């Protein structure tokens, strides 16, 4: 029987939620991604990942989304340890994202996103 993993976050799928975060969220910019985040009241952290055509073809866009999701999966226990609040996050992949490793993205999340949390 295959082992099942429980997701600790919920995926953002509605265009309304993405638009709201782009307009009202706090943005963090670096060479690997742009992160929009906003505190939320209840439940789990929510994650949305976007990669536009500038990132590359479908393979590169999918890879960039995959490594950001994996880095966030590793980042979440650190996030829960650091703060009791829950957040909505939208990560926008940039052109250099597919060339990076998950650990590099995770290090950037720890360096740039953690200090901005209240």
Protein backbone atom coordinates (compact mmCIF):
# COMPACT_ATOMS: atom_id res chain seq x y z
CA UNK A 1 0.00 0.00 0.00
CA UNK A 2 1.50 3.39 -0.99
CA UNK A 3 2.23 5.86 1.75
CA UNK A 4 -0.01 8.91 1.75
CA UNK A 5 1.15 12.38 2.66
CA UNK A 6 -1.11 14.94 4.26
CA UNK A 7 -0.79 18.42 2.79
CA UNK A 8 -0.32 21.12 5.39
CA UNK A 9 -1.51 23.87 3.09
CA UNK A 10 -4.47 24.51 0.82
CA UNK A 11 -3.99 25.42 -2.83
CA UNK A 12 -5.31 28.76 -4.09
CA UNK A 13 -7.24 28.18 -7.31
CA UNK A 14 -9.69 31.08 -7.69
CA UNK A 15 -8.70 33.99 -9.91
CA UNK A 16 -10.41 36.28 -7.39
CA UNK A 17 -8.00 35.15 -4.65
CA UNK A 18 -4.95 35.66 -6.88
CA UNK A 19 -6.13 39.15 -7.91
CA UNK A 20 -6.83 40.10 -4.30
CA UNK A 21 -3.32 39.08 -3.22
CA UNK A 22 -1.69 40.88 -6.16
CA UNK A 23 -3.52 44.09 -5.19
CA UNK A 24 -3.54 43.98 -1.38
CA UNK A 25 -0.70 41.64 -0.43
CA UNK A 26 2.79 42.52 0.73
CA UNK A 27 5.32 41.78 -2.01
CA UNK A 28 8.83 40.40 -1.63
CA UNK A 29 11.04 40.45 -4.71
CA UNK A 30 14.27 38.58 -5.43
CA UNK A 31 15.93 37.01 -8.47
CA UNK A 32 14.14 33.66 -8.08
CA UNK A 33 10.55 34.63 -7.32
CA UNK A 34 8.13 37.35 -6.31
CA UNK A 35 6.09 36.51 -3.22
CA UNK A 36 2.78 38.15 -2.39
CA UNK A 37 1.49 37.40 1.10
CA UNK A 38 -1.35 38.45 3.34
CA UNK A 39 -2.37 37.23 6.80
CA UNK A 40 -5.59 35.27 7.06
CA UNK A 41 -7.82 34.52 10.00
CA UNK A 42 -8.34 30.80 10.14
CA UNK A 43 -7.39 27.41 8.80
CA UNK A 44 -4.17 26.46 7.10
CA UNK A 45 -1.70 28.40 5.02
CA UNK A 46 -2.75 28.74 1.39
CA UNK A 47 -0.35 28.58 -1.55
CA UNK A 48 -0.65 29.68 -5.15
CA UNK A 49 2.16 29.35 -7.69
CA UNK A 50 2.23 31.22 -11.00
CA UNK A 51 4.74 31.01 -13.82
CA UNK A 52 4.30 33.08 -16.95
CA UNK A 53 5.58 32.69 -20.47
CA UNK A 54 8.77 34.61 -19.67
CA UNK A 55 9.96 31.66 -17.58
CA UNK A 56 10.22 29.48 -20.68
CA UNK A 57 8.41 26.60 -22.33
CA UNK A 58 5.97 24.27 -20.59
CA UNK A 59 8.72 22.06 -19.17
CA UNK A 60 10.53 24.98 -17.53
CA UNK A 61 7.29 26.49 -16.23
CA UNK A 62 6.23 23.19 -14.69
CA UNK A 63 9.66 22.68 -13.14
CA UNK A 64 9.62 26.14 -11.60
CA UNK A 65 6.17 25.51 -10.10
CA UNK A 66 7.28 22.11 -8.82
CA UNK A 67 10.42 23.35 -7.06
CA UNK A 68 8.57 26.29 -5.48
CA UNK A 69 5.87 23.91 -4.17
CA UNK A 70 8.48 21.54 -2.75
CA UNK A 71 10.45 24.39 -1.15
CA UNK A 72 7.23 25.66 0.42
CA UNK A 73 6.48 22.16 1.75
CA UNK A 74 9.86 22.22 3.51
CA UNK A 75 9.39 25.86 4.57
CA UNK A 76 6.01 25.35 6.24
CA UNK A 77 7.22 23.67 9.48
CA UNK A 78 9.66 26.57 9.93
CA UNK A 79 6.78 28.97 9.33
CA UNK A 80 4.56 27.28 11.91
CA UNK A 81 7.40 27.31 14.43
CA UNK A 82 8.07 31.01 13.86
CA UNK A 83 4.50 32.36 13.97
CA UNK A 84 1.02 31.31 15.03
CA UNK A 85 -0.63 33.27 12.23
CA UNK A 86 -1.70 31.75 8.93
CA UNK A 87 -1.06 33.38 5.57
CA UNK A 88 -2.04 33.32 1.92
CA UNK A 89 1.02 33.13 -0.33
CA UNK A 90 1.32 33.56 -4.08
CA UNK A 91 4.73 32.89 -5.58
CA UNK A 92 5.42 34.14 -9.09
CA UNK A 93 8.30 32.30 -10.77
CA UNK A 94 10.93 34.32 -12.59
CA UNK A 95 13.23 33.48 -15.51
CA UNK A 96 16.03 32.07 -13.31
CA UNK A 97 13.73 29.85 -11.21
CA UNK A 98 13.90 26.63 -13.30
CA UNK A 99 17.72 26.62 -13.11
CA UNK A 100 17.73 26.65 -9.31
CA UNK A 101 17.52 23.78 -6.83
CA UNK A 102 14.84 23.36 -4.19
CA UNK A 103 17.32 24.06 -1.37
CA UNK A 104 18.26 27.39 -2.97
CA UNK A 105 14.61 28.43 -3.18
CA UNK A 106 14.09 27.31 0.43
CA UNK A 107 17.08 29.39 1.56
CA UNK A 108 15.65 32.44 -0.24
CA UNK A 109 12.27 31.87 1.43
CA UNK A 110 13.93 31.71 4.85
CA UNK A 111 16.08 34.77 4.15
CA UNK A 112 13.43 37.00 2.55
CA UNK A 113 9.96 35.83 3.64
CA UNK A 114 10.50 34.97 7.32
CA UNK A 115 11.61 38.47 8.40
CA UNK A 116 8.46 40.01 6.86
CA UNK A 117 6.05 37.90 8.93
CA UNK A 118 4.42 39.70 11.84
